[in-house]
Amino acid sequence: MQVCPECENTLTFAEDEVEEGEVVLCEECGAEYEVVNTDPVELSKVEEAGYDESAIVFHDEEEE
């Protein structure tokens, strides 16, 4: 039985039927976990796809 580290809710999935690479969703808080190992089952939190703030380019609206 796996527990969500974010909200401590029990994650409901068939541990004997998951495959590596599958994503398990916490029904309580919405956190996503990737199955990284199946024997024993190990999960890794899927980080949200974000953007690199240092790559943002700002343009002045008054530039012509």
PDB file of N, CA and C in Angstrom:
ATOM      1  N   MET A   1       0.847  -1.173   0.000  1.00  0.00           N
ATOM      2  CA  MET A   1       0.000   0.000   0.000  1.00  0.00           C
ATOM      3  C   MET A   1       0.895   1.240   0.000  1.00  0.00           C
ATOM      4  N   GLN A   2       0.689   2.119  -0.969  1.00  0.00           N
ATOM      5  CA  GLN A   2       1.463   3.346  -1.108  1.00  0.00           C
ATOM      6  C   GLN A   2       0.659   4.519  -0.562  1.00  0.00           C
ATOM      7  N   VAL A   3       1.366   5.471   0.045  1.00  0.00           N
ATOM      8  CA  VAL A   3       0.730   6.651   0.619  1.00  0.00           C
ATOM      9  C   VAL A   3       1.315   7.892  -0.055  1.00  0.00           C
ATOM     10  N   CYS A   4       0.455   8.841  -0.380  1.00  0.00           N
ATOM     11  CA  CYS A   4       0.885  10.091  -0.996  1.00  0.00           C
ATOM     12  C   CYS A   4       1.647  10.913   0.038  1.00  0.00           C
ATOM     13  N   PRO A   5       2.899  11.274  -0.251  1.00  0.00           N
ATOM     14  CA  PRO A   5       3.673  12.085   0.695  1.00  0.00           C
ATOM     15  C   PRO A   5       3.121  13.502   0.853  1.00  0.00           C
ATOM     16  N   GLU A   6       2.381  13.979  -0.136  1.00  0.00           N
ATOM     17  CA  GLU A   6       1.839  15.335  -0.099  1.00  0.00           C
ATOM     18  C   GLU A   6       0.690  15.462   0.906  1.00  0.00           C
ATOM     19  N   CYS A   7      -0.253  14.512   0.868  1.00  0.00           N
ATOM     20  CA  CYS A   7      -1.453  14.643   1.699  1.00  0.00           C
ATOM     21  C   CYS A   7      -1.706  13.426   2.594  1.00  0.00           C
ATOM     22  N   GLU A   8      -0.836  12.415   2.494  1.00  0.00           N
ATOM     23  CA  GLU A   8      -0.920  11.196   3.289  1.00  0.00           C
ATOM     24  C   GLU A   8      -2.164  10.355   2.993  1.00  0.00           C
ATOM     25  N   ASN A   9      -2.761  10.567   1.823  1.00  0.00           N
ATOM     26  CA  ASN A   9      -3.898   9.769   1.369  1.00  0.00           C
ATOM     27  C   ASN A   9      -3.365   8.451   0.799  1.00  0.00           C
ATOM     28  N   THR A  10      -4.100   7.385   0.961  1.00  0.00           N
ATOM     29  CA  THR A  10      -3.717   6.100   0.384  1.00  0.00           C
ATOM     30  C   THR A  10      -3.927   6.154  -1.122  1.00  0.00           C
ATOM     31  N   LEU A  11      -2.891   5.805  -1.878  1.00  0.00           N
ATOM     32  CA  LEU A  11      -2.992   5.775  -3.335  1.00  0.00           C
ATOM     33  C   LEU A  11      -3.643   4.471  -3.746  1.00  0.00           C
ATOM     34  N   THR A  12      -4.694   4.566  -4.535  1.00  0.00           N
ATOM     35  CA  THR A  12      -5.433   3.373  -4.935  1.00  0.00           C
ATOM     36  C   THR A  12      -5.048   2.954  -6.343  1.00  0.00           C
ATOM     37  N   PHE A  13      -4.275   1.887  -6.432  1.00  0.00           N
ATOM     38  CA  PHE A  13      -3.915   1.273  -7.705  1.00  0.00           C
ATOM     39  C   PHE A  13      -3.473  -0.148  -7.422  1.00  0.00           C
ATOM     40  N   ALA A  14      -3.587  -1.002  -8.431  1.00  0.00           N
ATOM     41  CA  ALA A  14      -3.201  -2.405  -8.286  1.00  0.00           C
ATOM     42  C   ALA A  14      -1.689  -2.512  -8.430  1.00  0.00           C
ATOM     43  N   GLU A  15      -0.984  -2.663  -7.306  1.00  0.00           N
ATOM     44  CA  GLU A  15       0.477  -2.696  -7.327  1.00  0.00           C
ATOM     45  C   GLU A  15       1.029  -3.822  -8.186  1.00  0.00           C
ATOM     46  N   ASP A  16       0.279  -4.907  -8.317  1.00  0.00           N
ATOM     47  CA  ASP A  16       0.771  -6.035  -9.107  1.00  0.00           C
ATOM     48  C   ASP A  16       0.455  -5.888 -10.596  1.00  0.00           C
ATOM     49  N   GLU A  17      -0.244  -4.817 -10.987  1.00  0.00           N
ATOM     50  CA  GLU A  17      -0.600  -4.621 -12.385  1.00  0.00           C
ATOM     51  C   GLU A  17       0.038  -3.390 -13.021  1.00  0.00           C
ATOM     52  N   VAL A  18       0.805  -2.594 -12.258  1.00  0.00           N
ATOM     53  CA  VAL A  18       1.423  -1.402 -12.830  1.00  0.00           C
ATOM     54  C   VAL A  18       2.728  -1.763 -13.519  1.00  0.00           C
ATOM     55  N   GLU A  19       3.118  -0.927 -14.468  1.00  0.00           N
ATOM     56  CA  GLU A  19       4.374  -1.113 -15.180  1.00  0.00           C
ATOM     57  C   GLU A  19       5.230   0.122 -14.993  1.00  0.00           C
ATOM     58  N   GLU A  20       6.535  -0.042 -15.123  1.00  0.00           N
ATOM     59  CA  GLU A  20       7.445   1.091 -15.021  1.00  0.00           C
ATOM     60  C   GLU A  20       7.063   2.138 -16.059  1.00  0.00           C
ATOM     61  N   GLY A  21       7.077   3.399 -15.648  1.00  0.00           N
ATOM     62  CA  GLY A  21       6.744   4.491 -16.544  1.00  0.00           C
ATOM     63  C   GLY A  21       5.303   4.951 -16.440  1.00  0.00           C
ATOM     64  N   GLU A  22       4.443   4.130 -15.849  1.00  0.00           N
ATOM     65  CA  GLU A  22       3.049   4.539 -15.676  1.00  0.00           C
ATOM     66  C   GLU A  22       2.967   5.641 -14.632  1.00  0.00           C
ATOM     67  N   VAL A  23       1.925   6.453 -14.717  1.00  0.00           N
ATOM     68  CA  VAL A  23       1.719   7.544 -13.773  1.00  0.00           C
ATOM     69  C   VAL A  23       0.506   7.224 -12.909  1.00  0.00           C
ATOM     70  N   VAL A  24       0.696   7.379 -11.598  1.00  0.00           N
ATOM     71  CA  VAL A  24      -0.370   7.153 -10.623  1.00  0.00           C
ATOM     72  C   VAL A  24      -0.793   8.514 -10.089  1.00  0.00           C
ATOM     73  N   LEU A  25      -2.092   8.754 -10.032  1.00  0.00           N
ATOM     74  CA  LEU A  25      -2.629  10.029  -9.589  1.00  0.00           C
ATOM     75  C   LEU A  25      -3.223   9.901  -8.195  1.00  0.00           C
ATOM     76  N   CYS A  26      -2.907  10.856  -7.320  1.00  0.00           N
ATOM     77  CA  CYS A  26      -3.524  10.896  -5.997  1.00  0.00           C
ATOM     78  C   CYS A  26      -4.900  11.532  -6.170  1.00  0.00           C
ATOM     79  N   GLU A  27      -5.936  10.801  -5.811  1.00  0.00           N
ATOM     80  CA  GLU A  27      -7.296  11.295  -5.977  1.00  0.00           C
ATOM     81  C   GLU A  27      -7.623  12.421  -5.007  1.00  0.00           C
ATOM     82  N   GLU A  28      -6.871  12.541  -3.933  1.00  0.00           N
ATOM     83  CA  GLU A  28      -7.144  13.563  -2.925  1.00  0.00           C
ATOM     84  C   GLU A  28      -6.559  14.931  -3.294  1.00  0.00           C
ATOM     85  N   CYS A  29      -5.259  14.970  -3.634  1.00  0.00           N
ATOM     86  CA  CYS A  29      -4.613  16.267  -3.874  1.00  0.00           C
ATOM     87  C   CYS A  29      -4.202  16.485  -5.331  1.00  0.00           C
ATOM     88  N   GLY A  30      -4.294  15.449  -6.161  1.00  0.00           N
ATOM     89  CA  GLY A  30      -3.964  15.592  -7.571  1.00  0.00           C
ATOM     90  C   GLY A  30      -2.497  15.414  -7.910  1.00  0.00           C
ATOM     91  N   ALA A  31      -1.656  15.100  -6.929  1.00  0.00           N
ATOM     92  CA  ALA A  31      -0.231  14.884  -7.193  1.00  0.00           C
ATOM     93  C   ALA A  31      -0.059  13.658  -8.095  1.00  0.00           C
ATOM     94  N   GLU A  32       0.937  13.726  -8.977  1.00  0.00           N
ATOM     95  CA  GLU A  32       1.204  12.629  -9.894  1.00  0.00           C
ATOM     96  C   GLU A  32       2.533  11.968  -9.544  1.00  0.00           C
ATOM     97  N   TYR A  33       2.550  10.645  -9.614  1.00  0.00           N
ATOM     98  CA  TYR A  33       3.747   9.868  -9.296  1.00  0.00           C
ATOM     99  C   TYR A  33       4.004   8.872 -10.409  1.00  0.00           C
ATOM    100  N   GLU A  34       5.267   8.822 -10.844  1.00  0.00           N
ATOM    101  CA  GLU A  34       5.660   7.863 -11.871  1.00  0.00           C
ATOM    102  C   GLU A  34       6.171   6.598 -11.205  1.00  0.00           C
ATOM    103  N   VAL A  35       5.790   5.455 -11.746  1.00  0.00           N
ATOM    104  CA  VAL A  35       6.285   4.172 -11.246  1.00  0.00           C
ATOM    105  C   VAL A  35       7.695   4.001 -11.791  1.00  0.00           C
ATOM    106  N   VAL A  36       8.690   3.965 -10.889  1.00  0.00           N
ATOM    107  CA  VAL A  36      10.084   3.830 -11.317  1.00  0.00           C
ATOM    108  C   VAL A  36      10.617   2.418 -11.095  1.00  0.00           C
ATOM    109  N   ASN A  37       9.901   1.614 -10.331  1.00  0.00           N
ATOM    110  CA  ASN A  37      10.285   0.223 -10.091  1.00  0.00           C
ATOM    111  C   ASN A  37       9.025  -0.545  -9.729  1.00  0.00           C
ATOM    112  N   THR A  38       8.955  -1.807 -10.128  1.00  0.00           N
ATOM    113  CA  THR A  38       7.754  -2.593  -9.843  1.00  0.00           C
ATOM    114  C   THR A  38       7.961  -3.675  -8.789  1.00  0.00           C
ATOM    115  N   ASP A  39       9.200  -3.998  -8.448  1.00  0.00           N
ATOM    116  CA  ASP A  39       9.424  -5.063  -7.464  1.00  0.00           C
ATOM    117  C   ASP A  39      10.560  -4.690  -6.540  1.00  0.00           C
ATOM    118  N   PRO A  40      10.310  -4.023  -5.446  1.00  0.00           N
ATOM    119  CA  PRO A  40       9.006  -3.546  -4.961  1.00  0.00           C
ATOM    120  C   PRO A  40       8.601  -2.264  -5.691  1.00  0.00           C
ATOM    121  N   VAL A  41       7.320  -1.914  -5.569  1.00  0.00           N
ATOM    122  CA  VAL A  41       6.814  -0.714  -6.231  1.00  0.00           C
ATOM    123  C   VAL A  41       7.457   0.523  -5.609  1.00  0.00           C
ATOM    124  N   GLU A  42       8.070   1.347  -6.476  1.00  0.00           N
ATOM    125  CA  GLU A  42       8.656   2.612  -6.047  1.00  0.00           C
ATOM    126  C   GLU A  42       8.083   3.714  -6.922  1.00  0.00           C
ATOM    127  N   LEU A  43       7.725   4.818  -6.290  1.00  0.00           N
ATOM    128  CA  LEU A  43       7.147   5.941  -7.011  1.00  0.00           C
ATOM    129  C   LEU A  43       8.044   7.162  -6.895  1.00  0.00           C
ATOM    130  N   SER A  44       8.014   7.993  -7.927  1.00  0.00           N
ATOM    131  CA  SER A  44       8.757   9.240  -7.927  1.00  0.00           C
ATOM    132  C   SER A  44       7.794  10.345  -8.344  1.00  0.00           C
ATOM    133  N   LYS A  45       7.788  11.445  -7.587  1.00  0.00           N
ATOM    134  CA  LYS A  45       6.854  12.532  -7.887  1.00  0.00           C
ATOM    135  C   LYS A  45       7.172  13.135  -9.246  1.00  0.00           C
ATOM    136  N   VAL A  46       6.129  13.313 -10.039  1.00  0.00           N
ATOM    137  CA  VAL A  46       6.264  13.951 -11.339  1.00  0.00           C
ATOM    138  C   VAL A  46       6.208  15.447 -11.105  1.00  0.00           C
ATOM    139  N   GLU A  47       7.289  16.126 -11.458  1.00  0.00           N
ATOM    140  CA  GLU A  47       7.339  17.570 -11.297  1.00  0.00           C
ATOM    141  C   GLU A  47       6.531  18.220 -12.411  1.00  0.00           C
ATOM    142  N   GLU A  48       5.852  19.302 -12.067  1.00  0.00           N
ATOM    143  CA  GLU A  48       5.065  20.012 -13.066  1.00  0.00           C
ATOM    144  C   GLU A  48       5.994  20.577 -14.127  1.00  0.00           C
ATOM    145  N   ALA A  49       5.570  20.483 -15.352  1.00  0.00           N
ATOM    146  CA  ALA A  49       6.355  21.058 -16.441  1.00  0.00           C
ATOM    147  C   ALA A  49       6.265  22.568 -16.312  1.00  0.00           C
ATOM    148  N   GLY A  50       7.351  23.137 -15.973  1.00  0.00           N
ATOM    149  CA  GLY A  50       7.347  24.577 -15.788  1.00  0.00           C
ATOM    150  C   GLY A  50       8.157  25.249 -16.871  1.00  0.00           C
ATOM    151  N   TYR A  51       8.483  26.475 -16.628  1.00  0.00           N
ATOM    152  CA  TYR A  51       9.298  27.206 -17.563  1.00  0.00           C
ATOM    153  C   TYR A  51      10.491  27.763 -16.817  1.00  0.00           C
ATOM    154  N   ASP A  52      11.523  28.021 -17.565  1.00  0.00           N
ATOM    155  CA  ASP A  52      12.750  28.555 -17.001  1.00  0.00           C
ATOM    156  C   ASP A  52      12.606  30.075 -16.896  1.00  0.00           C
ATOM    157  N   GLU A  53      12.457  30.582 -15.683  1.00  0.00           N
ATOM    158  CA  GLU A  53      12.235  32.013 -15.496  1.00  0.00           C
ATOM    159  C   GLU A  53      13.393  32.839 -16.044  1.00  0.00           C
ATOM    160  N   SER A  54      14.588  32.295 -16.062  1.00  0.00           N
ATOM    161  CA  SER A  54      15.734  33.057 -16.560  1.00  0.00           C
ATOM    162  C   SER A  54      15.688  33.198 -18.082  1.00  0.00           C
ATOM    163  N   ALA A  55      14.833  32.397 -18.738  1.00  0.00           N
ATOM    164  CA  ALA A  55      14.745  32.458 -20.192  1.00  0.00           C
ATOM    165  C   ALA A  55      13.672  33.441 -20.667  1.00  0.00           C
ATOM    166  N   ILE A  56      12.962  34.062 -19.748  1.00  0.00           N
ATOM    167  CA  ILE A  56      11.914  34.998 -20.127  1.00  0.00           C
ATOM    168  C   ILE A  56      12.549  36.287 -20.633  1.00  0.00           C
ATOM    169  N   VAL A  57      12.073  36.759 -21.744  1.00  0.00           N
ATOM    170  CA  VAL A  57      12.559  38.011 -22.320  1.00  0.00           C
ATOM    171  C   VAL A  57      11.424  39.016 -22.254  1.00  0.00           C
ATOM    172  N   PHE A  58      11.701  40.161 -21.657  1.00  0.00           N
ATOM    173  CA  PHE A  58      10.697  41.215 -21.555  1.00  0.00           C
ATOM    174  C   PHE A  58      10.961  42.258 -22.631  1.00  0.00           C
ATOM    175  N   HIS A  59       9.904  42.731 -23.254  1.00  0.00           N
ATOM    176  CA  HIS A  59      10.012  43.769 -24.271  1.00  0.00           C
ATOM    177  C   HIS A  59       9.254  44.989 -23.779  1.00  0.00           C
ATOM    178  N   ASP A  60       9.873  46.136 -23.916  1.00  0.00           N
ATOM    179  CA  ASP A  60       9.176  47.366 -23.565  1.00  0.00           C
ATOM    180  C   ASP A  60       8.137  47.668 -24.633  1.00  0.00           C
ATOM    181  N   GLU A  61       6.935  47.994 -24.201  1.00  0.00           N
ATOM    182  CA  GLU A  61       5.872  48.266 -25.170  1.00  0.00           C
ATOM    183  C   GLU A  61       6.143  49.527 -25.962  1.00  0.00           C
ATOM    184  N   GLU A  62       6.933  50.438 -25.417  1.00  0.00           N
ATOM    185  CA  GLU A  62       7.170  51.694 -26.087  1.00  0.00           C
ATOM    186  C   GLU A  62       8.291  51.623 -27.107  1.00  0.00           C
ATOM    187  N   GLU A  63       9.021  50.496 -27.165  1.00  0.00           N
ATOM    188  CA  GLU A  63      10.091  50.364 -28.148  1.00  0.00           C
ATOM    189  C   GLU A  63       9.519  50.309 -29.546  1.00  0.00           C
ATOM    190  N   GLU A  64      10.151  51.003 -30.479  1.00  0.00           N
ATOM    191  CA  GLU A  64       9.656  50.984 -31.858  1.00  0.00           C
ATOM    192  C   GLU A  64      10.765  50.650 -32.805  1.00  0.00           C
TER     193      GLU A  64
END
